[in-house]
Amino acid sequence: MNSQALQTILCRAAVDGAFLAALLSAPRRTLQGYALSAAELDVLAEPGAESLTELAAAVETWRRGEPRRVAVAEFALAR
């Protein structure tokens, strides 16, 4: 896990509104310049994040090794 890169991204999003907007709307494109593993990129690009708080919570949940919440739409399709 590259905690430094994730922290850098979250800190930048906290002070740069344009970066946060880009991160929320097109995360994979926005994060191309960062050295992230596929798992780290998946955490930040998970559909449904609508705020910096939600992104930070997703990163912390992943960092702790806790299972991520299943998106409501995905759960409905899995039934």
PDB file of N, CA and C in Angstrom:
ATOM      1  N   MET A   1       0.840  -1.172   0.000  1.00  0.00           N
ATOM      2  CA  MET A   1       0.000   0.000   0.000  1.00  0.00           C
ATOM      3  C   MET A   1       0.889   1.239   0.000  1.00  0.00           C
ATOM      4  N   ASN A   2       0.586   2.158  -0.864  1.00  0.00           N
ATOM      5  CA  ASN A   2       1.339   3.390  -0.975  1.00  0.00           C
ATOM      6  C   ASN A   2       0.611   4.495  -0.210  1.00  0.00           C
ATOM      7  N   SER A   3       0.702   4.467   1.092  1.00  0.00           N
ATOM      8  CA  SER A   3      -0.014   5.417   1.937  1.00  0.00           C
ATOM      9  C   SER A   3       0.354   6.858   1.627  1.00  0.00           C
ATOM     10  N   GLN A   4       1.596   7.094   1.278  1.00  0.00           N
ATOM     11  CA  GLN A   4       2.039   8.464   0.985  1.00  0.00           C
ATOM     12  C   GLN A   4       1.308   9.021  -0.229  1.00  0.00           C
ATOM     13  N   ALA A   5       1.183   8.236  -1.280  1.00  0.00           N
ATOM     14  CA  ALA A   5       0.483   8.712  -2.483  1.00  0.00           C
ATOM     15  C   ALA A   5      -0.992   8.960  -2.182  1.00  0.00           C
ATOM     16  N   LEU A   6      -1.623   8.064  -1.442  1.00  0.00           N
ATOM     17  CA  LEU A   6      -3.034   8.254  -1.098  1.00  0.00           C
ATOM     18  C   LEU A   6      -3.213   9.499  -0.241  1.00  0.00           C
ATOM     19  N   GLN A   7      -2.324   9.715   0.719  1.00  0.00           N
ATOM     20  CA  GLN A   7      -2.403  10.890   1.579  1.00  0.00           C
ATOM     21  C   GLN A   7      -2.203  12.162   0.753  1.00  0.00           C
ATOM     22  N   THR A   8      -1.266  12.136  -0.164  1.00  0.00           N
ATOM     23  CA  THR A   8      -1.009  13.287  -1.030  1.00  0.00           C
ATOM     24  C   THR A   8      -2.249  13.628  -1.847  1.00  0.00           C
ATOM     25  N   ILE A   9      -2.894  12.608  -2.391  1.00  0.00           N
ATOM     26  CA  ILE A   9      -4.098  12.814  -3.203  1.00  0.00           C
ATOM     27  C   ILE A   9      -5.218  13.411  -2.360  1.00  0.00           C
ATOM     28  N   LEU A  10      -5.451  12.857  -1.181  1.00  0.00           N
ATOM     29  CA  LEU A  10      -6.517  13.366  -0.319  1.00  0.00           C
ATOM     30  C   LEU A  10      -6.219  14.790   0.156  1.00  0.00           C
ATOM     31  N   CYS A  11      -4.972  15.078   0.482  1.00  0.00           N
ATOM     32  CA  CYS A  11      -4.603  16.434   0.909  1.00  0.00           C
ATOM     33  C   CYS A  11      -4.778  17.433  -0.233  1.00  0.00           C
ATOM     34  N   ARG A  12      -4.376  17.042  -1.425  1.00  0.00           N
ATOM     35  CA  ARG A  12      -4.557  17.937  -2.569  1.00  0.00           C
ATOM     36  C   ARG A  12      -6.039  18.185  -2.824  1.00  0.00           C
ATOM     37  N   ALA A  13      -6.840  17.146  -2.722  1.00  0.00           N
ATOM     38  CA  ALA A  13      -8.285  17.290  -2.935  1.00  0.00           C
ATOM     39  C   ALA A  13      -8.907  18.201  -1.880  1.00  0.00           C
ATOM     40  N   ALA A  14      -8.329  18.227  -0.689  1.00  0.00           N
ATOM     41  CA  ALA A  14      -8.863  19.064   0.383  1.00  0.00           C
ATOM     42  C   ALA A  14      -8.628  20.553   0.136  1.00  0.00           C
ATOM     43  N   VAL A  15      -7.590  20.903  -0.599  1.00  0.00           N
ATOM     44  CA  VAL A  15      -7.265  22.318  -0.807  1.00  0.00           C
ATOM     45  C   VAL A  15      -7.471  22.788  -2.245  1.00  0.00           C
ATOM     46  N   ASP A  16      -7.695  21.862  -3.151  1.00  0.00           N
ATOM     47  CA  ASP A  16      -7.829  22.201  -4.573  1.00  0.00           C
ATOM     48  C   ASP A  16      -9.197  21.730  -5.067  1.00  0.00           C
ATOM     49  N   GLY A  17     -10.155  22.639  -5.091  1.00  0.00           N
ATOM     50  CA  GLY A  17     -11.522  22.292  -5.474  1.00  0.00           C
ATOM     51  C   GLY A  17     -11.637  21.727  -6.872  1.00  0.00           C
ATOM     52  N   ALA A  18     -10.841  22.243  -7.810  1.00  0.00           N
ATOM     53  CA  ALA A  18     -10.886  21.741  -9.184  1.00  0.00           C
ATOM     54  C   ALA A  18     -10.380  20.300  -9.243  1.00  0.00           C
ATOM     55  N   PHE A  19      -9.333  20.012  -8.487  1.00  0.00           N
ATOM     56  CA  PHE A  19      -8.807  18.650  -8.446  1.00  0.00           C
ATOM     57  C   PHE A  19      -9.835  17.705  -7.837  1.00  0.00           C
ATOM     58  N   LEU A  20     -10.480  18.126  -6.749  1.00  0.00           N
ATOM     59  CA  LEU A  20     -11.509  17.298  -6.118  1.00  0.00           C
ATOM     60  C   LEU A  20     -12.649  17.027  -7.090  1.00  0.00           C
ATOM     61  N   ALA A  21     -13.088  18.048  -7.792  1.00  0.00           N
ATOM     62  CA  ALA A  21     -14.178  17.868  -8.769  1.00  0.00           C
ATOM     63  C   ALA A  21     -13.765  16.876  -9.851  1.00  0.00           C
ATOM     64  N   ALA A  22     -12.533  16.993 -10.336  1.00  0.00           N
ATOM     65  CA  ALA A  22     -12.038  16.063 -11.357  1.00  0.00           C
ATOM     66  C   ALA A  22     -11.923  14.656 -10.790  1.00  0.00           C
ATOM     67  N   LEU A  23     -11.459  14.553  -9.555  1.00  0.00           N
ATOM     68  CA  LEU A  23     -11.303  13.257  -8.901  1.00  0.00           C
ATOM     69  C   LEU A  23     -12.650  12.557  -8.739  1.00  0.00           C
ATOM     70  N   LEU A  24     -13.673  13.313  -8.406  1.00  0.00           N
ATOM     71  CA  LEU A  24     -14.998  12.723  -8.222  1.00  0.00           C
ATOM     72  C   LEU A  24     -15.668  12.383  -9.547  1.00  0.00           C
ATOM     73  N   SER A  25     -15.407  13.175 -10.581  1.00  0.00           N
ATOM     74  CA  SER A  25     -16.091  12.939 -11.854  1.00  0.00           C
ATOM     75  C   SER A  25     -15.342  11.979 -12.785  1.00  0.00           C
ATOM     76  N   ALA A  26     -14.029  11.999 -12.760  1.00  0.00           N
ATOM     77  CA  ALA A  26     -13.228  11.134 -13.643  1.00  0.00           C
ATOM     78  C   ALA A  26     -11.970  10.684 -12.910  1.00  0.00           C
ATOM     79  N   PRO A  27     -12.132   9.829 -11.890  1.00  0.00           N
ATOM     80  CA  PRO A  27     -10.986   9.486 -11.040  1.00  0.00           C
ATOM     81  C   PRO A  27      -9.829   8.806 -11.767  1.00  0.00           C
ATOM     82  N   ARG A  28     -10.114   7.883 -12.639  1.00  0.00           N
ATOM     83  CA  ARG A  28      -9.008   7.156 -13.300  1.00  0.00           C
ATOM     84  C   ARG A  28      -8.169   8.093 -14.163  1.00  0.00           C
ATOM     85  N   ARG A  29      -8.813   8.978 -14.863  1.00  0.00           N
ATOM     86  CA  ARG A  29      -8.080   9.938 -15.692  1.00  0.00           C
ATOM     87  C   ARG A  29      -7.304  10.916 -14.804  1.00  0.00           C
ATOM     88  N   THR A  30      -7.923  11.392 -13.728  1.00  0.00           N
ATOM     89  CA  THR A  30      -7.308  12.363 -12.832  1.00  0.00           C
ATOM     90  C   THR A  30      -6.082  11.789 -12.129  1.00  0.00           C
ATOM     91  N   LEU A  31      -6.093  10.498 -11.856  1.00  0.00           N
ATOM     92  CA  LEU A  31      -5.017   9.865 -11.081  1.00  0.00           C
ATOM     93  C   LEU A  31      -3.919   9.239 -11.930  1.00  0.00           C
ATOM     94  N   GLN A  32      -3.935   9.462 -13.231  1.00  0.00           N
ATOM     95  CA  GLN A  32      -2.939   8.849 -14.109  1.00  0.00           C
ATOM     96  C   GLN A  32      -1.504   9.184 -13.732  1.00  0.00           C
ATOM     97  N   GLY A  33      -1.249  10.349 -13.182  1.00  0.00           N
ATOM     98  CA  GLY A  33       0.118  10.750 -12.860  1.00  0.00           C
ATOM     99  C   GLY A  33       0.632  10.229 -11.534  1.00  0.00           C
ATOM    100  N   TYR A  34      -0.187   9.501 -10.812  1.00  0.00           N
ATOM    101  CA  TYR A  34       0.205   8.996  -9.498  1.00  0.00           C
ATOM    102  C   TYR A  34       0.568   7.517  -9.589  1.00  0.00           C
ATOM    103  N   ALA A  35       1.556   7.106  -8.821  1.00  0.00           N
ATOM    104  CA  ALA A  35       2.002   5.707  -8.810  1.00  0.00           C
ATOM    105  C   ALA A  35       1.130   4.923  -7.831  1.00  0.00           C
ATOM    106  N   LEU A  36      -0.018   4.475  -8.303  1.00  0.00           N
ATOM    107  CA  LEU A  36      -0.958   3.729  -7.472  1.00  0.00           C
ATOM    108  C   LEU A  36      -1.071   2.299  -7.965  1.00  0.00           C
ATOM    109  N   SER A  37      -1.257   1.382  -7.031  1.00  0.00           N
ATOM    110  CA  SER A  37      -1.530  -0.001  -7.424  1.00  0.00           C
ATOM    111  C   SER A  37      -2.962  -0.064  -7.960  1.00  0.00           C
ATOM    112  N   ALA A  38      -3.293  -1.164  -8.570  1.00  0.00           N
ATOM    113  CA  ALA A  38      -4.658  -1.345  -9.085  1.00  0.00           C
ATOM    114  C   ALA A  38      -5.681  -1.272  -7.954  1.00  0.00           C
ATOM    115  N   ALA A  39      -5.336  -1.852  -6.795  1.00  0.00           N
ATOM    116  CA  ALA A  39      -6.252  -1.834  -5.652  1.00  0.00           C
ATOM    117  C   ALA A  39      -6.458  -0.418  -5.131  1.00  0.00           C
ATOM    118  N   GLU A  40      -5.382   0.360  -5.053  1.00  0.00           N
ATOM    119  CA  GLU A  40      -5.491   1.744  -4.587  1.00  0.00           C
ATOM    120  C   GLU A  40      -6.337   2.565  -5.549  1.00  0.00           C
ATOM    121  N   LEU A  41      -6.103   2.381  -6.820  1.00  0.00           N
ATOM    122  CA  LEU A  41      -6.884   3.096  -7.826  1.00  0.00           C
ATOM    123  C   LEU A  41      -8.357   2.711  -7.735  1.00  0.00           C
ATOM    124  N   ASP A  42      -8.627   1.438  -7.529  1.00  0.00           N
ATOM    125  CA  ASP A  42     -10.014   0.984  -7.386  1.00  0.00           C
ATOM    126  C   ASP A  42     -10.707   1.639  -6.201  1.00  0.00           C
ATOM    127  N   VAL A  43      -9.987   1.807  -5.092  1.00  0.00           N
ATOM    128  CA  VAL A  43     -10.575   2.432  -3.907  1.00  0.00           C
ATOM    129  C   VAL A  43     -10.983   3.869  -4.217  1.00  0.00           C
ATOM    130  N   LEU A  44     -10.107   4.616  -4.867  1.00  0.00           N
ATOM    131  CA  LEU A  44     -10.396   6.015  -5.169  1.00  0.00           C
ATOM    132  C   LEU A  44     -11.368   6.183  -6.325  1.00  0.00           C
ATOM    133  N   ALA A  45     -11.466   5.186  -7.181  1.00  0.00           N
ATOM    134  CA  ALA A  45     -12.347   5.279  -8.344  1.00  0.00           C
ATOM    135  C   ALA A  45     -13.680   4.571  -8.128  1.00  0.00           C
ATOM    136  N   GLU A  46     -13.901   4.077  -6.919  1.00  0.00           N
ATOM    137  CA  GLU A  46     -15.138   3.359  -6.632  1.00  0.00           C
ATOM    138  C   GLU A  46     -16.340   4.255  -6.920  1.00  0.00           C
ATOM    139  N   PRO A  47     -17.299   3.746  -7.666  1.00  0.00           N
ATOM    140  CA  PRO A  47     -18.467   4.568  -7.988  1.00  0.00           C
ATOM    141  C   PRO A  47     -19.241   4.965  -6.736  1.00  0.00           C
ATOM    142  N   GLY A  48     -19.802   6.127  -6.772  1.00  0.00           N
ATOM    143  CA  GLY A  48     -20.670   6.562  -5.690  1.00  0.00           C
ATOM    144  C   GLY A  48     -20.075   7.585  -4.747  1.00  0.00           C
ATOM    145  N   ALA A  49     -18.764   7.774  -4.754  1.00  0.00           N
ATOM    146  CA  ALA A  49     -18.167   8.776  -3.876  1.00  0.00           C
ATOM    147  C   ALA A  49     -18.595  10.158  -4.362  1.00  0.00           C
ATOM    148  N   GLU A  50     -19.155  10.922  -3.435  1.00  0.00           N
ATOM    149  CA  GLU A  50     -19.655  12.245  -3.790  1.00  0.00           C
ATOM    150  C   GLU A  50     -18.969  13.369  -3.023  1.00  0.00           C
ATOM    151  N   SER A  51     -17.987  13.024  -2.191  1.00  0.00           N
ATOM    152  CA  SER A  51     -17.315  14.057  -1.404  1.00  0.00           C
ATOM    153  C   SER A  51     -15.933  13.579  -0.978  1.00  0.00           C
ATOM    154  N   LEU A  52     -15.150  14.525  -0.504  1.00  0.00           N
ATOM    155  CA  LEU A  52     -13.836  14.200   0.027  1.00  0.00           C
ATOM    156  C   LEU A  52     -13.973  13.296   1.247  1.00  0.00           C
ATOM    157  N   THR A  53     -14.975  13.543   2.056  1.00  0.00           N
ATOM    158  CA  THR A  53     -15.206  12.714   3.245  1.00  0.00           C
ATOM    159  C   THR A  53     -15.445  11.266   2.858  1.00  0.00           C
ATOM    160  N   GLU A  54     -16.240  11.032   1.837  1.00  0.00           N
ATOM    161  CA  GLU A  54     -16.508   9.662   1.395  1.00  0.00           C
ATOM    162  C   GLU A  54     -15.259   9.006   0.835  1.00  0.00           C
ATOM    163  N   LEU A  55     -14.445   9.756   0.094  1.00  0.00           N
ATOM    164  CA  LEU A  55     -13.186   9.201  -0.412  1.00  0.00           C
ATOM    165  C   LEU A  55     -12.248   8.832   0.733  1.00  0.00           C
ATOM    166  N   ALA A  56     -12.117   9.735   1.705  1.00  0.00           N
ATOM    167  CA  ALA A  56     -11.237   9.476   2.845  1.00  0.00           C
ATOM    168  C   ALA A  56     -11.727   8.269   3.638  1.00  0.00           C
ATOM    169  N   ALA A  57     -13.033   8.137   3.804  1.00  0.00           N
ATOM    170  CA  ALA A  57     -13.582   6.985   4.525  1.00  0.00           C
ATOM    171  C   ALA A  57     -13.304   5.694   3.773  1.00  0.00           C
ATOM    172  N   ALA A  58     -13.418   5.722   2.453  1.00  0.00           N
ATOM    173  CA  ALA A  58     -13.138   4.528   1.646  1.00  0.00           C
ATOM    174  C   ALA A  58     -11.674   4.125   1.773  1.00  0.00           C
ATOM    175  N   VAL A  59     -10.785   5.107   1.741  1.00  0.00           N
ATOM    176  CA  VAL A  59      -9.349   4.823   1.881  1.00  0.00           C
ATOM    177  C   VAL A  59      -9.064   4.232   3.257  1.00  0.00           C
ATOM    178  N   GLU A  60      -9.637   4.796   4.301  1.00  0.00           N
ATOM    179  CA  GLU A  60      -9.391   4.297   5.659  1.00  0.00           C
ATOM    180  C   GLU A  60      -9.951   2.888   5.842  1.00  0.00           C
ATOM    181  N   THR A  61     -11.119   2.636   5.310  1.00  0.00           N
ATOM    182  CA  THR A  61     -11.709   1.291   5.384  1.00  0.00           C
ATOM    183  C   THR A  61     -10.799   0.290   4.687  1.00  0.00           C
ATOM    184  N   TRP A  62     -10.315   0.646   3.509  1.00  0.00           N
ATOM    185  CA  TRP A  62      -9.427  -0.233   2.742  1.00  0.00           C
ATOM    186  C   TRP A  62      -8.104  -0.436   3.485  1.00  0.00           C
ATOM    187  N   ARG A  63      -7.566   0.663   4.046  1.00  0.00           N
ATOM    188  CA  ARG A  63      -6.289   0.582   4.759  1.00  0.00           C
ATOM    189  C   ARG A  63      -6.375  -0.370   5.946  1.00  0.00           C
ATOM    190  N   ARG A  64      -7.516  -0.399   6.596  1.00  0.00           N
ATOM    191  CA  ARG A  64      -7.718  -1.286   7.745  1.00  0.00           C
ATOM    192  C   ARG A  64      -8.014  -2.722   7.324  1.00  0.00           C
ATOM    193  N   GLY A  65      -8.221  -2.938   6.050  1.00  0.00           N
ATOM    194  CA  GLY A  65      -8.507  -4.280   5.572  1.00  0.00           C
ATOM    195  C   GLY A  65      -9.951  -4.705   5.766  1.00  0.00           C
ATOM    196  N   GLU A  66     -10.804  -3.726   6.021  1.00  0.00           N
ATOM    197  CA  GLU A  66     -12.219  -4.027   6.207  1.00  0.00           C
ATOM    198  C   GLU A  66     -12.904  -4.131   4.842  1.00  0.00           C
ATOM    199  N   PRO A  67     -13.909  -4.975   4.759  1.00  0.00           N
ATOM    200  CA  PRO A  67     -14.621  -5.081   3.481  1.00  0.00           C
ATOM    201  C   PRO A  67     -15.316  -3.772   3.146  1.00  0.00           C
ATOM    202  N   ARG A  68     -15.290  -3.448   1.859  1.00  0.00           N
ATOM    203  CA  ARG A  68     -15.974  -2.234   1.420  1.00  0.00           C
ATOM    204  C   ARG A  68     -17.452  -2.505   1.273  1.00  0.00           C
ATOM    205  N   ARG A  69     -18.205  -1.440   1.405  1.00  0.00           N
ATOM    206  CA  ARG A  69     -19.648  -1.562   1.213  1.00  0.00           C
ATOM    207  C   ARG A  69     -19.933  -1.860  -0.242  1.00  0.00           C
ATOM    208  N   VAL A  70     -20.898  -2.707  -0.463  1.00  0.00           N
ATOM    209  CA  VAL A  70     -21.330  -3.008  -1.821  1.00  0.00           C
ATOM    210  C   VAL A  70     -22.290  -1.919  -2.246  1.00  0.00           C
ATOM    211  N   ALA A  71     -22.071  -1.381  -3.427  1.00  0.00           N
ATOM    212  CA  ALA A  71     -22.978  -0.349  -3.925  1.00  0.00           C
ATOM    213  C   ALA A  71     -24.388  -0.928  -4.014  1.00  0.00           C
ATOM    214  N   VAL A  72     -25.372  -0.106  -3.724  1.00  0.00           N
ATOM    215  CA  VAL A  72     -26.760  -0.552  -3.719  1.00  0.00           C
ATOM    216  C   VAL A  72     -27.151  -1.157  -5.058  1.00  0.00           C
ATOM    217  N   ALA A  73     -26.743  -0.523  -6.145  1.00  0.00           N
ATOM    218  CA  ALA A  73     -27.082  -1.035  -7.478  1.00  0.00           C
ATOM    219  C   ALA A  73     -26.459  -2.408  -7.715  1.00  0.00           C
ATOM    220  N   GLU A  74     -25.213  -2.598  -7.278  1.00  0.00           N
ATOM    221  CA  GLU A  74     -24.558  -3.886  -7.452  1.00  0.00           C
ATOM    222  C   GLU A  74     -25.254  -4.955  -6.618  1.00  0.00           C
ATOM    223  N   PHE A  75     -25.649  -4.610  -5.420  1.00  0.00           N
ATOM    224  CA  PHE A  75     -26.329  -5.564  -4.556  1.00  0.00           C
ATOM    225  C   PHE A  75     -27.658  -5.988  -5.180  1.00  0.00           C
ATOM    226  N   ALA A  76     -28.373  -5.036  -5.741  1.00  0.00           N
ATOM    227  CA  ALA A  76     -29.661  -5.352  -6.367  1.00  0.00           C
ATOM    228  C   ALA A  76     -29.467  -6.304  -7.539  1.00  0.00           C
ATOM    229  N   LEU A  77     -28.388  -6.108  -8.300  1.00  0.00           N
ATOM    230  CA  LEU A  77     -28.131  -6.986  -9.451  1.00  0.00           C
ATOM    231  C   LEU A  77     -27.671  -8.378  -9.022  1.00  0.00           C
ATOM    232  N   ALA A  78     -27.059  -8.466  -7.841  1.00  0.00           N
ATOM    233  CA  ALA A  78     -26.534  -9.755  -7.372  1.00  0.00           C
ATOM    234  C   ALA A  78     -27.637 -10.688  -6.876  1.00  0.00           C
ATOM    235  N   ARG A  79     -28.779 -10.162  -6.625  1.00  0.00           N
ATOM    236  CA  ARG A  79     -29.864 -10.988  -6.097  1.00  0.00           C
ATOM    237  C   ARG A  79     -30.384 -11.953  -7.083  1.00  0.00           C
TER     238      ARG A  79
END
